[in-house]
Amino acid sequence: MSEKKEIIRTSLGLRDALFDAIEKVRSGELGAQEARAIGSLAHQICETVSLEIEVAKLQADGQFDNPSGAPRVLKLGN
């Protein structure tokens, strides 16, 4: 069993983790189901980053006023 490496929580860390997973799939250390789960989680992380970027753009354009500077909670779904 390989030692667990800490994932740096940045875009570079995410890419490194994904490449590590690809290498493990190719070597047979990681199965298809686990690889799909990692891919799905990575996709969700990217989606949340995209939302944060959109909010930042709206704030920069003055379309999303937040004078207090406190983080806003976006309603997702019903």
PDB file of N, CA and C in Angstrom:
ATOM      1  N   MET A   1       0.852  -1.182   0.000  1.00  0.00           N
ATOM      2  CA  MET A   1       0.000   0.000   0.000  1.00  0.00           C
ATOM      3  C   MET A   1       0.890   1.235   0.000  1.00  0.00           C
ATOM      4  N   SER A   2       0.568   2.207  -0.840  1.00  0.00           N
ATOM      5  CA  SER A   2       1.376   3.414  -0.939  1.00  0.00           C
ATOM      6  C   SER A   2       1.007   4.384   0.177  1.00  0.00           C
ATOM      7  N   GLU A   3       1.987   5.217   0.552  1.00  0.00           N
ATOM      8  CA  GLU A   3       1.751   6.188   1.612  1.00  0.00           C
ATOM      9  C   GLU A   3       0.859   7.298   1.090  1.00  0.00           C
ATOM     10  N   LYS A   4      -0.006   7.806   1.976  1.00  0.00           N
ATOM     11  CA  LYS A   4      -0.917   8.883   1.581  1.00  0.00           C
ATOM     12  C   LYS A   4      -0.172  10.199   1.591  1.00  0.00           C
ATOM     13  N   LYS A   5      -0.293  10.918   0.494  1.00  0.00           N
ATOM     14  CA  LYS A   5       0.343  12.223   0.346  1.00  0.00           C
ATOM     15  C   LYS A   5      -0.713  13.292   0.574  1.00  0.00           C
ATOM     16  N   GLU A   6      -0.362  14.305   1.373  1.00  0.00           N
ATOM     17  CA  GLU A   6      -1.294  15.394   1.627  1.00  0.00           C
ATOM     18  C   GLU A   6      -1.560  16.153   0.332  1.00  0.00           C
ATOM     19  N   ILE A   7      -2.815  16.455   0.082  1.00  0.00           N
ATOM     20  CA  ILE A   7      -3.196  17.210  -1.106  1.00  0.00           C
ATOM     21  C   ILE A   7      -3.213  18.681  -0.749  1.00  0.00           C
ATOM     22  N   ILE A   8      -2.429  19.460  -1.476  1.00  0.00           N
ATOM     23  CA  ILE A   8      -2.420  20.907  -1.290  1.00  0.00           C
ATOM     24  C   ILE A   8      -3.706  21.436  -1.917  1.00  0.00           C
ATOM     25  N   ARG A   9      -4.447  22.207  -1.172  1.00  0.00           N
ATOM     26  CA  ARG A   9      -5.770  22.646  -1.617  1.00  0.00           C
ATOM     27  C   ARG A   9      -5.700  23.877  -2.507  1.00  0.00           C
ATOM     28  N   THR A  10      -5.110  23.651  -3.678  1.00  0.00           N
ATOM     29  CA  THR A  10      -5.016  24.674  -4.716  1.00  0.00           C
ATOM     30  C   THR A  10      -5.320  23.990  -6.041  1.00  0.00           C
ATOM     31  N   SER A  11      -5.412  24.775  -7.108  1.00  0.00           N
ATOM     32  CA  SER A  11      -5.637  24.174  -8.419  1.00  0.00           C
ATOM     33  C   SER A  11      -4.466  23.263  -8.791  1.00  0.00           C
ATOM     34  N   LEU A  12      -3.261  23.655  -8.425  1.00  0.00           N
ATOM     35  CA  LEU A  12      -2.095  22.811  -8.689  1.00  0.00           C
ATOM     36  C   LEU A  12      -2.179  21.510  -7.888  1.00  0.00           C
ATOM     37  N   GLY A  13      -2.593  21.598  -6.636  1.00  0.00           N
ATOM     38  CA  GLY A  13      -2.749  20.398  -5.818  1.00  0.00           C
ATOM     39  C   GLY A  13      -3.803  19.462  -6.375  1.00  0.00           C
ATOM     40  N   LEU A  14      -4.895  20.038  -6.884  1.00  0.00           N
ATOM     41  CA  LEU A  14      -5.946  19.223  -7.488  1.00  0.00           C
ATOM     42  C   LEU A  14      -5.424  18.501  -8.725  1.00  0.00           C
ATOM     43  N   ARG A  15      -4.694  19.229  -9.564  1.00  0.00           N
ATOM     44  CA  ARG A  15      -4.120  18.586 -10.752  1.00  0.00           C
ATOM     45  C   ARG A  15      -3.154  17.485 -10.373  1.00  0.00           C
ATOM     46  N   ASP A  16      -2.307  17.737  -9.372  1.00  0.00           N
ATOM     47  CA  ASP A  16      -1.367  16.707  -8.926  1.00  0.00           C
ATOM     48  C   ASP A  16      -2.107  15.465  -8.440  1.00  0.00           C
ATOM     49  N   ALA A  17      -3.157  15.671  -7.653  1.00  0.00           N
ATOM     50  CA  ALA A  17      -3.928  14.544  -7.136  1.00  0.00           C
ATOM     51  C   ALA A  17      -4.574  13.763  -8.278  1.00  0.00           C
ATOM     52  N   LEU A  18      -5.085  14.470  -9.278  1.00  0.00           N
ATOM     53  CA  LEU A  18      -5.714  13.789 -10.412  1.00  0.00           C
ATOM     54  C   LEU A  18      -4.688  13.008 -11.226  1.00  0.00           C
ATOM     55  N   PHE A  19      -3.523  13.596 -11.439  1.00  0.00           N
ATOM     56  CA  PHE A  19      -2.481  12.863 -12.162  1.00  0.00           C
ATOM     57  C   PHE A  19      -2.007  11.653 -11.362  1.00  0.00           C
ATOM     58  N   ASP A  20      -1.913  11.795 -10.034  1.00  0.00           N
ATOM     59  CA  ASP A  20      -1.562  10.643  -9.195  1.00  0.00           C
ATOM     60  C   ASP A  20      -2.602   9.532  -9.353  1.00  0.00           C
ATOM     61  N   ALA A  21      -3.876   9.922  -9.383  1.00  0.00           N
ATOM     62  CA  ALA A  21      -4.946   8.935  -9.539  1.00  0.00           C
ATOM     63  C   ALA A  21      -4.854   8.256 -10.904  1.00  0.00           C
ATOM     64  N   ILE A  22      -4.569   9.019 -11.933  1.00  0.00           N
ATOM     65  CA  ILE A  22      -4.421   8.434 -13.274  1.00  0.00           C
ATOM     66  C   ILE A  22      -3.295   7.408 -13.279  1.00  0.00           C
ATOM     67  N   GLU A  23      -2.176   7.767 -12.657  1.00  0.00           N
ATOM     68  CA  GLU A  23      -1.052   6.829 -12.591  1.00  0.00           C
ATOM     69  C   GLU A  23      -1.433   5.559 -11.835  1.00  0.00           C
ATOM     70  N   LYS A  24      -2.210   5.710 -10.749  1.00  0.00           N
ATOM     71  CA  LYS A  24      -2.635   4.542  -9.969  1.00  0.00           C
ATOM     72  C   LYS A  24      -3.601   3.668 -10.755  1.00  0.00           C
ATOM     73  N   VAL A  25      -4.461   4.277 -11.558  1.00  0.00           N
ATOM     74  CA  VAL A  25      -5.367   3.492 -12.409  1.00  0.00           C
ATOM     75  C   VAL A  25      -4.542   2.700 -13.416  1.00  0.00           C
ATOM     76  N   ARG A  26      -3.578   3.357 -14.024  1.00  0.00           N
ATOM     77  CA  ARG A  26      -2.742   2.687 -15.039  1.00  0.00           C
ATOM     78  C   ARG A  26      -1.916   1.555 -14.446  1.00  0.00           C
ATOM     79  N   SER A  27      -1.501   1.702 -13.174  1.00  0.00           N
ATOM     80  CA  SER A  27      -0.688   0.653 -12.542  1.00  0.00           C
ATOM     81  C   SER A  27      -1.538  -0.433 -11.895  1.00  0.00           C
ATOM     82  N   GLY A  28      -2.850  -0.221 -11.858  1.00  0.00           N
ATOM     83  CA  GLY A  28      -3.744  -1.208 -11.262  1.00  0.00           C
ATOM     84  C   GLY A  28      -3.947  -1.034  -9.767  1.00  0.00           C
ATOM     85  N   GLU A  29      -3.376   0.026  -9.166  1.00  0.00           N
ATOM     86  CA  GLU A  29      -3.548   0.280  -7.736  1.00  0.00           C
ATOM     87  C   GLU A  29      -4.923   0.852  -7.401  1.00  0.00           C
ATOM     88  N   LEU A  30      -5.597   1.399  -8.395  1.00  0.00           N
ATOM     89  CA  LEU A  30      -6.880   2.061  -8.188  1.00  0.00           C
ATOM     90  C   LEU A  30      -7.868   1.525  -9.213  1.00  0.00           C
ATOM     91  N   GLY A  31      -9.050   1.173  -8.742  1.00  0.00           N
ATOM     92  CA  GLY A  31     -10.070   0.628  -9.625  1.00  0.00           C
ATOM     93  C   GLY A  31     -10.884   1.706 -10.318  1.00  0.00           C
ATOM     94  N   ALA A  32     -11.659   1.274 -11.290  1.00  0.00           N
ATOM     95  CA  ALA A  32     -12.464   2.201 -12.092  1.00  0.00           C
ATOM     96  C   ALA A  32     -13.492   2.940 -11.243  1.00  0.00           C
ATOM     97  N   GLN A  33     -14.113   2.255 -10.305  1.00  0.00           N
ATOM     98  CA  GLN A  33     -15.135   2.902  -9.475  1.00  0.00           C
ATOM     99  C   GLN A  33     -14.522   4.011  -8.626  1.00  0.00           C
ATOM    100  N   GLU A  34     -13.365   3.755  -8.043  1.00  0.00           N
ATOM    101  CA  GLU A  34     -12.691   4.779  -7.250  1.00  0.00           C
ATOM    102  C   GLU A  34     -12.238   5.946  -8.130  1.00  0.00           C
ATOM    103  N   ALA A  35     -11.760   5.632  -9.313  1.00  0.00           N
ATOM    104  CA  ALA A  35     -11.324   6.677 -10.239  1.00  0.00           C
ATOM    105  C   ALA A  35     -12.502   7.565 -10.642  1.00  0.00           C
ATOM    106  N   ARG A  36     -13.659   6.948 -10.894  1.00  0.00           N
ATOM    107  CA  ARG A  36     -14.854   7.738 -11.229  1.00  0.00           C
ATOM    108  C   ARG A  36     -15.249   8.641 -10.063  1.00  0.00           C
ATOM    109  N   ALA A  37     -15.155   8.116  -8.840  1.00  0.00           N
ATOM    110  CA  ALA A  37     -15.501   8.913  -7.660  1.00  0.00           C
ATOM    111  C   ALA A  37     -14.553  10.106  -7.532  1.00  0.00           C
ATOM    112  N   ILE A  38     -13.277   9.892  -7.746  1.00  0.00           N
ATOM    113  CA  ILE A  38     -12.301  10.986  -7.683  1.00  0.00           C
ATOM    114  C   ILE A  38     -12.598  12.008  -8.770  1.00  0.00           C
ATOM    115  N   GLY A  39     -12.891  11.549  -9.973  1.00  0.00           N
ATOM    116  CA  GLY A  39     -13.228  12.456 -11.071  1.00  0.00           C
ATOM    117  C   GLY A  39     -14.469  13.274 -10.776  1.00  0.00           C
ATOM    118  N   SER A  40     -15.464  12.631 -10.190  1.00  0.00           N
ATOM    119  CA  SER A  40     -16.701  13.328  -9.848  1.00  0.00           C
ATOM    120  C   SER A  40     -16.457  14.392  -8.780  1.00  0.00           C
ATOM    121  N   LEU A  41     -15.673  14.061  -7.779  1.00  0.00           N
ATOM    122  CA  LEU A  41     -15.351  15.033  -6.740  1.00  0.00           C
ATOM    123  C   LEU A  41     -14.554  16.205  -7.303  1.00  0.00           C
ATOM    124  N   ALA A  42     -13.606  15.914  -8.162  1.00  0.00           N
ATOM    125  CA  ALA A  42     -12.814  16.976  -8.792  1.00  0.00           C
ATOM    126  C   ALA A  42     -13.718  17.895  -9.609  1.00  0.00           C
ATOM    127  N   HIS A  43     -14.676  17.307 -10.315  1.00  0.00           N
ATOM    128  CA  HIS A  43     -15.619  18.101 -11.101  1.00  0.00           C
ATOM    129  C   HIS A  43     -16.427  19.025 -10.195  1.00  0.00           C
ATOM    130  N   GLN A  44     -16.871  18.523  -9.059  1.00  0.00           N
ATOM    131  CA  GLN A  44     -17.652  19.344  -8.135  1.00  0.00           C
ATOM    132  C   GLN A  44     -16.813  20.480  -7.567  1.00  0.00           C
ATOM    133  N   ILE A  45     -15.542  20.215  -7.278  1.00  0.00           N
ATOM    134  CA  ILE A  45     -14.659  21.277  -6.803  1.00  0.00           C
ATOM    135  C   ILE A  45     -14.546  22.360  -7.872  1.00  0.00           C
ATOM    136  N   CYS A  46     -14.346  21.956  -9.119  1.00  0.00           N
ATOM    137  CA  CYS A  46     -14.228  22.923 -10.219  1.00  0.00           C
ATOM    138  C   CYS A  46     -15.512  23.726 -10.392  1.00  0.00           C
ATOM    139  N   GLU A  47     -16.652  23.097 -10.214  1.00  0.00           N
ATOM    140  CA  GLU A  47     -17.930  23.806 -10.325  1.00  0.00           C
ATOM    141  C   GLU A  47     -18.074  24.865  -9.243  1.00  0.00           C
ATOM    142  N   THR A  48     -17.660  24.560  -8.007  1.00  0.00           N
ATOM    143  CA  THR A  48     -17.761  25.556  -6.949  1.00  0.00           C
ATOM    144  C   THR A  48     -16.812  26.711  -7.204  1.00  0.00           C
ATOM    145  N   VAL A  49     -15.640  26.430  -7.735  1.00  0.00           N
ATOM    146  CA  VAL A  49     -14.694  27.500  -8.077  1.00  0.00           C
ATOM    147  C   VAL A  49     -15.289  28.379  -9.176  1.00  0.00           C
ATOM    148  N   SER A  50     -15.931  27.767 -10.164  1.00  0.00           N
ATOM    149  CA  SER A  50     -16.573  28.547 -11.235  1.00  0.00           C
ATOM    150  C   SER A  50     -17.638  29.477 -10.677  1.00  0.00           C
ATOM    151  N   LEU A  51     -18.420  28.987  -9.715  1.00  0.00           N
ATOM    152  CA  LEU A  51     -19.436  29.839  -9.085  1.00  0.00           C
ATOM    153  C   LEU A  51     -18.787  31.007  -8.346  1.00  0.00           C
ATOM    154  N   GLU A  52     -17.703  30.725  -7.638  1.00  0.00           N
ATOM    155  CA  GLU A  52     -17.011  31.787  -6.911  1.00  0.00           C
ATOM    156  C   GLU A  52     -16.460  32.844  -7.876  1.00  0.00           C
ATOM    157  N   ILE A  53     -15.961  32.401  -9.012  1.00  0.00           N
ATOM    158  CA  ILE A  53     -15.445  33.335 -10.016  1.00  0.00           C
ATOM    159  C   ILE A  53     -16.579  34.193 -10.563  1.00  0.00           C
ATOM    160  N   GLU A  54     -17.724  33.597 -10.826  1.00  0.00           N
ATOM    161  CA  GLU A  54     -18.875  34.359 -11.334  1.00  0.00           C
ATOM    162  C   GLU A  54     -19.332  35.407 -10.328  1.00  0.00           C
ATOM    163  N   VAL A  55     -19.376  35.039  -9.050  1.00  0.00           N
ATOM    164  CA  VAL A  55     -19.768  36.000  -8.012  1.00  0.00           C
ATOM    165  C   VAL A  55     -18.751  37.134  -7.953  1.00  0.00           C
ATOM    166  N   ALA A  56     -17.464  36.811  -8.032  1.00  0.00           N
ATOM    167  CA  ALA A  56     -16.421  37.841  -8.007  1.00  0.00           C
ATOM    168  C   ALA A  56     -16.576  38.794  -9.190  1.00  0.00           C
ATOM    169  N   LYS A  57     -16.918  38.254 -10.356  1.00  0.00           N
ATOM    170  CA  LYS A  57     -17.135  39.107 -11.534  1.00  0.00           C
ATOM    171  C   LYS A  57     -18.331  40.033 -11.321  1.00  0.00           C
ATOM    172  N   LEU A  58     -19.419  39.494 -10.764  1.00  0.00           N
ATOM    173  CA  LEU A  58     -20.596  40.313 -10.496  1.00  0.00           C
ATOM    174  C   LEU A  58     -20.274  41.397  -9.477  1.00  0.00           C
ATOM    175  N   GLN A  59     -19.490  41.055  -8.463  1.00  0.00           N
ATOM    176  CA  GLN A  59     -19.093  42.054  -7.475  1.00  0.00           C
ATOM    177  C   GLN A  59     -18.247  43.141  -8.122  1.00  0.00           C
ATOM    178  N   ALA A  60     -17.312  42.746  -8.974  1.00  0.00           N
ATOM    179  CA  ALA A  60     -16.435  43.719  -9.635  1.00  0.00           C
ATOM    180  C   ALA A  60     -17.236  44.652 -10.539  1.00  0.00           C
ATOM    181  N   ASP A  61     -18.308  44.134 -11.148  1.00  0.00           N
ATOM    182  CA  ASP A  61     -19.151  44.940 -12.030  1.00  0.00           C
ATOM    183  C   ASP A  61     -20.201  45.743 -11.263  1.00  0.00           C
ATOM    184  N   GLY A  62     -20.227  45.584  -9.933  1.00  0.00           N
ATOM    185  CA  GLY A  62     -21.205  46.302  -9.117  1.00  0.00           C
ATOM    186  C   GLY A  62     -22.595  45.710  -9.175  1.00  0.00           C
ATOM    187  N   GLN A  63     -22.747  44.522  -9.708  1.00  0.00           N
ATOM    188  CA  GLN A  63     -24.059  43.890  -9.837  1.00  0.00           C
ATOM    189  C   GLN A  63     -24.416  43.044  -8.614  1.00  0.00           C
ATOM    190  N   PHE A  64     -23.485  42.873  -7.724  1.00  0.00           N
ATOM    191  CA  PHE A  64     -23.705  42.044  -6.539  1.00  0.00           C
ATOM    192  C   PHE A  64     -23.162  42.838  -5.364  1.00  0.00           C
ATOM    193  N   ASP A  65     -24.023  43.609  -4.739  1.00  0.00           N
ATOM    194  CA  ASP A  65     -23.596  44.516  -3.678  1.00  0.00           C
ATOM    195  C   ASP A  65     -23.474  43.763  -2.361  1.00  0.00           C
ATOM    196  N   ASN A  66     -22.338  43.924  -1.723  1.00  0.00           N
ATOM    197  CA  ASN A  66     -22.100  43.294  -0.435  1.00  0.00           C
ATOM    198  C   ASN A  66     -21.251  44.248   0.402  1.00  0.00           C
ATOM    199  N   PRO A  67     -21.856  45.332   0.903  1.00  0.00           N
ATOM    200  CA  PRO A  67     -21.073  46.351   1.593  1.00  0.00           C
ATOM    201  C   PRO A  67     -20.388  45.859   2.864  1.00  0.00           C
ATOM    202  N   SER A  68     -20.939  44.863   3.522  1.00  0.00           N
ATOM    203  CA  SER A  68     -20.347  44.394   4.778  1.00  0.00           C
ATOM    204  C   SER A  68     -19.079  43.591   4.544  1.00  0.00           C
ATOM    205  N   GLY A  69     -18.908  43.064   3.336  1.00  0.00           N
ATOM    206  CA  GLY A  69     -17.748  42.240   3.041  1.00  0.00           C
ATOM    207  C   GLY A  69     -17.874  40.822   3.567  1.00  0.00           C
ATOM    208  N   ALA A  70     -18.975  40.549   4.269  1.00  0.00           N
ATOM    209  CA  ALA A  70     -19.178  39.200   4.811  1.00  0.00           C
ATOM    210  C   ALA A  70     -19.483  38.236   3.664  1.00  0.00           C
ATOM    211  N   PRO A  71     -19.050  36.987   3.810  1.00  0.00           N
ATOM    212  CA  PRO A  71     -19.360  36.019   2.755  1.00  0.00           C
ATOM    213  C   PRO A  71     -20.867  35.877   2.571  1.00  0.00           C
ATOM    214  N   ARG A  72     -21.275  35.789   1.338  1.00  0.00           N
ATOM    215  CA  ARG A  72     -22.692  35.579   1.033  1.00  0.00           C
ATOM    216  C   ARG A  72     -22.961  34.097   0.894  1.00  0.00           C
ATOM    217  N   VAL A  73     -24.146  33.714   1.265  1.00  0.00           N
ATOM    218  CA  VAL A  73     -24.581  32.341   1.075  1.00  0.00           C
ATOM    219  C   VAL A  73     -25.513  32.335  -0.113  1.00  0.00           C
ATOM    220  N   LEU A  74     -25.164  31.566  -1.128  1.00  0.00           N
ATOM    221  CA  LEU A  74     -26.002  31.474  -2.314  1.00  0.00           C
ATOM    222  C   LEU A  74     -26.976  30.319  -2.131  1.00  0.00           C
ATOM    223  N   LYS A  75     -28.233  30.564  -2.408  1.00  0.00           N
ATOM    224  CA  LYS A  75     -29.235  29.517  -2.325  1.00  0.00           C
ATOM    225  C   LYS A  75     -29.107  28.609  -3.533  1.00  0.00           C
ATOM    226  N   LEU A  76     -28.940  27.332  -3.287  1.00  0.00           N
ATOM    227  CA  LEU A  76     -28.812  26.351  -4.359  1.00  0.00           C
ATOM    228  C   LEU A  76     -30.028  25.443  -4.334  1.00  0.00           C
ATOM    229  N   GLY A  77     -30.824  25.491  -5.361  1.00  0.00           N
ATOM    230  CA  GLY A  77     -32.010  24.632  -5.420  1.00  0.00           C
ATOM    231  C   GLY A  77     -33.198  25.285  -4.737  1.00  0.00           C
ATOM    232  N   ASN A  78     -34.189  24.449  -4.369  1.00  0.00           N
ATOM    233  CA  ASN A  78     -35.443  24.956  -3.772  1.00  0.00           C
ATOM    234  C   ASN A  78     -35.269  25.427  -2.372  1.00  0.00           C
TER     235      ASN A  78
END
